[in-house]
Amino acid sequence: LRPFAPHPLSRYFSIAPMGSLCILLRLLLSVVEISSRQPNLRFDIDWSKHPECYAWFEELFEPLNLPAITIHHQRWWTALHRLQNSWWPGLVRLAKGYTFQRGYYLPKDEAALHDVLSRHRRLYIATCYSLCDYSPASIAHLRPVPALQARINEIVGCFAPHTIGIHIRRTDNTMSQQHSRLKDFHAAVQREIAHDDQVRFFLCTDDAAVKAEFHERYGERILTQTSPVTRKTLAGMQDAVVDLWCLAHTQKILGSYWSSFTDMAAELRQIPLEVVKISEAVR
């Protein structure tokens, strides 16, 4: 993002992230990246606690300690305006002087984002999309709270010298189920074992039956959390953060197609990612 002249009211940029944990984090990290390049801008992030991510930011992560970014519990007037709420949030924002309001906003390119940021004094975006690419320096601002970091350290301390991460997305992700089949994960695991008989695996999945299947088939090679997987409780979201950071500490990830969790785990520490998916020939 190229520099541009600061605007005296640029601090009134309100961002309302939408979606699951890793989708929220992608949007947040893109704002961190913009802020690092454009220090004159000020952002309010209205973080919501909802069934797809039932946790406030501070229940999972340390403060960002970035003066240009403030993370709030979502205020009612920063909700996406809809027929169900009689459009009141949008009308209130209009009265407050927001000249740009978009839901599900995705900039066409960097120039389009630059144009929006430079032209509007007060801007509101509710979206599930990252606004721009972000760097490892921006990712480094994400730090799990001490209690979760202690759990991560304990699990990672049990890793073998060669530990590969596995993320198998099931339940409500139809694209992952169709393109990343269990038989293909088993084939990938068998290839890794053939390459190194001492290899171990850290498994993350939202399907308890898959955990049981992999434990039965590979025994002590598999390390995983045993708590129930759910996005609808605080404990479930804390487990998700532990899984995410533990995956990031493996040497490589065998991941799922169309999964933000898979992608984010690889991005956290820039480790190799192999998306396990059905080949074009098989289709």
Protein backbone atom coordinates (compact mmCIF):
# COMPACT_ATOMS: atom_id res chain seq x y z
CA LEU A 1 0.00 0.00 0.00
CA ARG A 2 1.58 3.26 -1.09
CA PRO A 3 1.61 6.21 1.35
CA PHE A 4 -0.96 8.98 1.07
CA ALA A 5 -1.67 12.23 2.88
CA PRO A 6 -3.20 11.72 6.33
CA HIS A 7 -6.76 12.77 6.90
CA PRO A 8 -7.65 14.40 10.22
CA LEU A 9 -10.59 12.06 10.81
CA SER A 10 -9.00 8.87 9.50
CA ARG A 11 -9.19 7.30 12.98
CA TYR A 12 -12.88 6.55 12.45
CA PHE A 13 -12.40 3.36 10.44
CA SER A 14 -14.65 0.61 11.85
CA ILE A 15 -14.10 -3.01 10.86
CA ALA A 16 -16.55 -5.78 11.81
CA PRO A 17 -15.02 -9.23 11.13
CA MET A 18 -17.43 -12.02 10.19
CA GLY A 19 -16.96 -15.79 10.19
CA SER A 20 -14.98 -18.52 11.93
CA LEU A 21 -11.77 -18.06 13.94
CA CYS A 22 -9.24 -18.14 11.12
CA ILE A 23 -11.38 -15.98 8.86
CA LEU A 24 -11.56 -13.40 11.66
CA LEU A 25 -7.80 -13.61 12.15
CA ARG A 26 -7.08 -13.14 8.45
CA LEU A 27 -9.09 -9.93 8.38
CA LEU A 28 -7.48 -8.71 11.59
CA LEU A 29 -3.98 -9.42 10.26
CA SER A 30 -4.73 -7.54 7.06
CA VAL A 31 -5.70 -4.51 9.18
CA VAL A 32 -2.45 -4.89 11.15
CA GLU A 33 -0.57 -4.90 7.84
CA ILE A 34 -2.38 -1.77 6.57
CA SER A 35 -1.70 -0.04 9.88
CA SER A 36 2.01 -0.87 9.73
CA ARG A 37 2.26 0.71 6.28
CA GLN A 38 -0.09 3.64 6.92
CA PRO A 39 0.58 4.76 10.51
CA ASN A 40 -1.73 7.78 10.20
CA LEU A 41 -4.80 5.53 10.09
CA ARG A 42 -6.78 4.44 13.14
CA PHE A 43 -8.94 1.31 13.24
CA ASP A 44 -11.67 0.05 15.56
CA ILE A 45 -12.15 -3.73 15.28
CA ASP A 46 -15.58 -4.81 16.50
CA TRP A 47 -15.02 -8.47 17.44
CA SER A 48 -18.21 -10.51 17.88
CA LYS A 49 -18.76 -13.65 19.96
CA HIS A 50 -21.03 -15.94 17.96
CA PRO A 51 -21.66 -19.66 17.25
CA GLU A 52 -18.89 -19.87 14.63
CA CYS A 53 -16.36 -18.41 17.08
CA TYR A 54 -17.66 -18.36 20.64
CA ALA A 55 -14.88 -16.33 22.25
CA TRP A 56 -13.84 -12.73 22.64
CA PHE A 57 -10.43 -11.83 21.27
CA GLU A 58 -8.94 -11.30 24.74
CA GLU A 59 -10.10 -14.76 25.85
CA LEU A 60 -7.78 -16.26 23.25
CA PHE A 61 -4.98 -13.78 22.56
CA GLU A 62 -2.74 -11.26 24.25
CA PRO A 63 -3.39 -7.56 23.46
CA LEU A 64 -1.91 -6.45 20.14
CA ASN A 65 -0.29 -3.41 21.77
CA LEU A 66 -0.68 -1.45 18.56
CA PRO A 67 -1.87 2.11 19.31
CA ALA A 68 -3.53 2.46 15.92
CA ILE A 69 -5.82 -0.54 16.47
CA THR A 70 -8.46 -0.95 19.17
CA ILE A 71 -10.42 -4.18 19.54
CA HIS A 72 -13.91 -3.81 21.00
CA HIS A 73 -16.67 -6.19 21.91
CA GLN A 74 -19.04 -5.56 19.03
CA ARG A 75 -21.25 -2.52 19.55
CA TRP A 76 -24.83 -2.81 18.32
CA TRP A 77 -24.45 -0.04 15.75
CA THR A 78 -21.51 -1.82 14.07
CA ALA A 79 -23.61 -4.88 13.20
CA LEU A 80 -24.30 -5.48 9.52
CA HIS A 81 -27.52 -3.66 8.72
CA ARG A 82 -30.30 -5.97 7.57
CA LEU A 83 -34.05 -6.06 7.25
CA GLN A 84 -34.18 -7.98 10.57
CA ASN A 85 -32.72 -5.03 12.51
CA SER A 86 -34.75 -2.47 10.52
CA TRP A 87 -31.53 -1.11 9.01
CA TRP A 88 -30.94 0.85 12.24
CA PRO A 89 -27.17 0.18 12.50
CA GLY A 90 -26.59 1.54 9.00
CA LEU A 91 -28.78 4.58 9.68
CA VAL A 92 -26.90 5.32 12.90
CA ARG A 93 -23.57 5.06 11.10
CA LEU A 94 -24.88 7.38 8.41
CA ALA A 95 -25.83 9.89 11.09
CA LYS A 96 -22.32 9.56 12.55
CA GLY A 97 -20.83 10.55 9.21
CA TYR A 98 -19.77 7.20 7.74
CA THR A 99 -19.56 7.86 4.00
CA PHE A 100 -18.52 4.30 3.07
CA GLN A 101 -20.45 1.27 4.36
CA ARG A 102 -19.96 -2.17 2.88
CA GLY A 103 -20.90 -5.71 3.85
CA TYR A 104 -18.87 -8.66 2.56
CA TYR A 105 -16.37 -6.17 1.14
CA LEU A 106 -13.46 -7.52 -0.88
CA PRO A 107 -11.18 -4.96 -2.61
CA LYS A 108 -10.60 -5.68 -6.29
CA ASP A 109 -6.91 -4.94 -5.84
CA GLU A 110 -4.47 -2.82 -3.82
CA ALA A 111 -5.26 0.31 -5.84
CA ALA A 112 -8.98 -0.03 -5.08
CA LEU A 113 -8.29 -0.40 -1.35
CA HIS A 114 -5.95 2.60 -1.43
CA ASP A 115 -8.65 4.65 -3.10
CA VAL A 116 -11.24 3.74 -0.47
CA LEU A 117 -8.90 4.46 2.43
CA SER A 118 -7.82 7.83 1.01
CA ARG A 119 -11.27 9.16 0.06
CA HIS A 120 -13.36 8.44 3.15
CA ARG A 121 -13.14 10.10 6.56
CA ARG A 122 -15.30 7.51 8.25
CA LEU A 123 -15.45 4.03 6.85
CA TYR A 124 -17.33 0.89 7.89
CA ILE A 125 -16.59 -2.60 6.59
CA ALA A 126 -18.24 -5.85 7.71
CA THR A 127 -16.58 -8.73 5.91
CA CYS A 128 -15.21 -12.26 6.00
CA TYR A 129 -12.39 -11.41 3.57
CA SER A 130 -8.82 -10.33 4.14
CA LEU A 131 -8.33 -6.78 2.85
CA CYS A 132 -4.76 -7.40 1.67
CA ASP A 133 -1.84 -9.80 1.99
CA TYR A 134 0.01 -9.69 5.31
CA SER A 135 3.60 -10.34 6.32
CA PRO A 136 5.21 -12.56 8.97
CA ALA A 137 5.86 -9.36 10.95
CA SER A 138 2.11 -8.77 11.19
CA ILE A 139 1.45 -12.41 12.13
CA ALA A 140 3.98 -12.09 14.97
CA HIS A 141 1.56 -9.76 16.79
CA LEU A 142 -0.79 -12.73 17.39
CA ARG A 143 0.14 -14.34 20.71
CA PRO A 144 -2.07 -16.83 22.57
CA VAL A 145 -2.83 -15.97 26.19
CA PRO A 146 -0.36 -17.50 28.71
CA ALA A 147 -2.64 -20.39 29.74
CA LEU A 148 -3.06 -21.49 26.13
CA GLN A 149 0.61 -20.95 25.35
CA ALA A 150 1.49 -23.24 28.26
CA ARG A 151 -0.73 -25.97 26.78
CA ILE A 152 0.86 -25.46 23.37
CA ASN A 153 4.34 -25.74 24.87
CA GLU A 154 3.39 -28.94 26.70
CA ILE A 155 2.08 -30.63 23.54
CA VAL A 156 4.91 -29.44 21.32
CA GLY A 157 7.34 -30.71 23.95
CA CYS A 158 6.01 -34.22 23.23
CA PHE A 159 6.72 -33.97 19.51
CA ALA A 160 9.25 -36.36 17.98
CA PRO A 161 12.19 -34.85 16.04
CA HIS A 162 10.16 -35.42 12.86
CA THR A 163 6.50 -34.60 13.47
CA ILE A 164 4.06 -33.88 10.67
CA GLY A 165 0.77 -32.08 11.23
CA ILE A 166 -2.51 -33.41 9.87
CA HIS A 167 -5.65 -31.29 9.61
CA ILE A 168 -8.77 -33.11 8.44
CA ARG A 169 -11.82 -30.86 8.07
CA ARG A 170 -15.17 -32.69 8.06
CA THR A 171 -18.65 -31.92 9.53
CA ASP A 172 -20.12 -28.86 7.74
CA ASN A 173 -17.35 -28.25 5.18
CA THR A 174 -18.67 -30.05 2.10
CA MET A 175 -15.85 -28.85 -0.15
CA SER A 176 -13.22 -30.37 2.13
CA GLN A 177 -15.09 -33.66 2.38
CA GLN A 178 -15.44 -33.90 -1.39
CA HIS A 179 -11.89 -32.92 -2.33
CA SER A 180 -9.87 -34.18 0.67
CA ARG A 181 -11.03 -37.76 1.20
CA LEU A 182 -10.00 -39.89 4.16
CA LYS A 183 -8.49 -42.50 1.85
CA ASP A 184 -6.21 -39.80 0.42
CA PHE A 185 -5.08 -38.76 3.91
CA HIS A 186 -4.30 -42.39 4.71
CA ALA A 187 -2.28 -42.64 1.49
CA ALA A 188 -0.35 -39.48 2.39
CA VAL A 189 0.39 -40.79 5.90
CA GLN A 190 1.59 -44.12 4.48
CA ARG A 191 3.96 -42.26 2.13
CA GLU A 192 5.43 -40.33 5.05
CA ILE A 193 5.92 -43.53 7.07
CA ALA A 194 7.60 -45.22 4.10
CA HIS A 195 9.95 -42.25 3.85
CA ASP A 196 10.74 -42.16 7.59
CA ASP A 197 9.75 -45.00 9.88
CA GLN A 198 10.28 -42.77 12.96
CA VAL A 199 7.83 -40.08 11.84
CA ARG A 200 5.02 -39.04 14.20
CA PHE A 201 1.86 -37.05 13.50
CA PHE A 202 -0.10 -34.35 15.31
CA LEU A 203 -3.73 -34.73 14.25
CA CYS A 204 -6.40 -32.02 14.29
CA THR A 205 -9.94 -32.74 13.12
CA ASP A 206 -13.49 -31.70 13.90
CA ASP A 207 -14.70 -35.31 13.70
CA ALA A 208 -14.25 -37.60 16.72
CA ALA A 209 -14.74 -40.69 14.55
CA VAL A 210 -11.76 -39.66 12.42
CA LYS A 211 -9.61 -39.33 15.55
CA ALA A 212 -10.63 -42.81 16.66
CA GLU A 213 -9.91 -44.26 13.20
CA PHE A 214 -6.42 -42.77 13.03
CA HIS A 215 -5.58 -43.85 16.59
CA GLU A 216 -6.71 -47.40 15.82
CA ARG A 217 -4.75 -47.55 12.57
CA TYR A 218 -1.51 -45.78 13.55
CA GLY A 219 -1.39 -46.16 17.33
CA GLU A 220 1.35 -44.23 19.12
CA ARG A 221 2.34 -42.41 15.96
CA ILE A 222 -0.71 -40.16 16.48
CA LEU A 223 -0.76 -37.31 18.99
CA THR A 224 -3.97 -35.30 19.35
CA GLN A 225 -6.10 -33.41 21.84
CA THR A 226 -8.85 -35.58 23.31
CA SER A 227 -11.40 -32.90 24.23
CA PRO A 228 -14.61 -32.52 22.18
CA VAL A 229 -14.28 -30.30 19.10
CA THR A 230 -16.79 -27.45 18.95
CA ARG A 231 -16.85 -23.79 17.93
CA LYS A 232 -19.90 -23.09 20.12
CA THR A 233 -18.14 -22.98 23.51
CA LEU A 234 -15.23 -20.99 24.91
CA ALA A 235 -13.39 -24.21 25.77
CA GLY A 236 -13.83 -25.39 22.19
CA MET A 237 -12.37 -22.18 20.82
CA GLN A 238 -9.44 -22.38 23.22
CA ASP A 239 -8.79 -25.95 22.01
CA ALA A 240 -8.88 -24.64 18.43
CA VAL A 241 -6.15 -22.08 19.18
CA VAL A 242 -4.01 -24.79 20.79
CA ASP A 243 -4.52 -27.04 17.75
CA LEU A 244 -3.68 -24.21 15.37
CA TRP A 245 -0.41 -23.28 17.06
CA CYS A 246 0.63 -26.90 17.56
CA LEU A 247 0.08 -27.57 13.85
CA ALA A 248 2.28 -24.57 13.13
CA HIS A 249 5.12 -26.15 15.14
CA THR A 250 5.26 -29.30 13.01
CA GLN A 251 7.73 -29.73 10.15
CA LYS A 252 4.99 -29.97 7.51
CA ILE A 253 1.19 -30.00 7.31
CA LEU A 254 -1.02 -32.44 5.45
CA GLY A 255 -4.06 -30.20 5.18
CA SER A 256 -7.60 -30.01 3.88
CA TYR A 257 -8.88 -28.39 0.72
CA TRP A 258 -10.90 -25.18 1.14
CA SER A 259 -9.99 -24.76 4.81
CA SER A 260 -8.90 -21.46 6.34
CA PHE A 261 -7.68 -23.41 9.41
CA THR A 262 -5.27 -25.43 7.26
CA ASP A 263 -3.97 -22.31 5.51
CA MET A 264 -3.61 -20.27 8.69
CA ALA A 265 -1.68 -23.03 10.47
CA ALA A 266 0.91 -23.02 7.68
CA GLU A 267 1.05 -19.22 7.56
CA LEU A 268 1.74 -18.79 11.29
CA ARG A 269 5.32 -20.02 11.00
CA GLN A 270 5.69 -20.28 7.22
CA ILE A 271 5.98 -24.08 7.16
CA PRO A 272 5.44 -26.38 4.16
CA LEU A 273 1.84 -27.23 3.34
CA GLU A 274 0.56 -30.17 1.28
CA VAL A 275 -3.15 -29.91 0.63
CA VAL A 276 -4.42 -33.48 0.41
CA LYS A 277 -6.92 -33.65 -2.42
CA ILE A 278 -8.27 -35.98 -5.05
CA SER A 279 -6.28 -35.86 -8.28
CA GLU A 280 -7.73 -34.49 -11.52
CA ALA A 281 -7.22 -37.93 -13.09
CA VAL A 282 -9.46 -39.57 -10.48
CA ARG A 283 -12.19 -36.97 -10.96
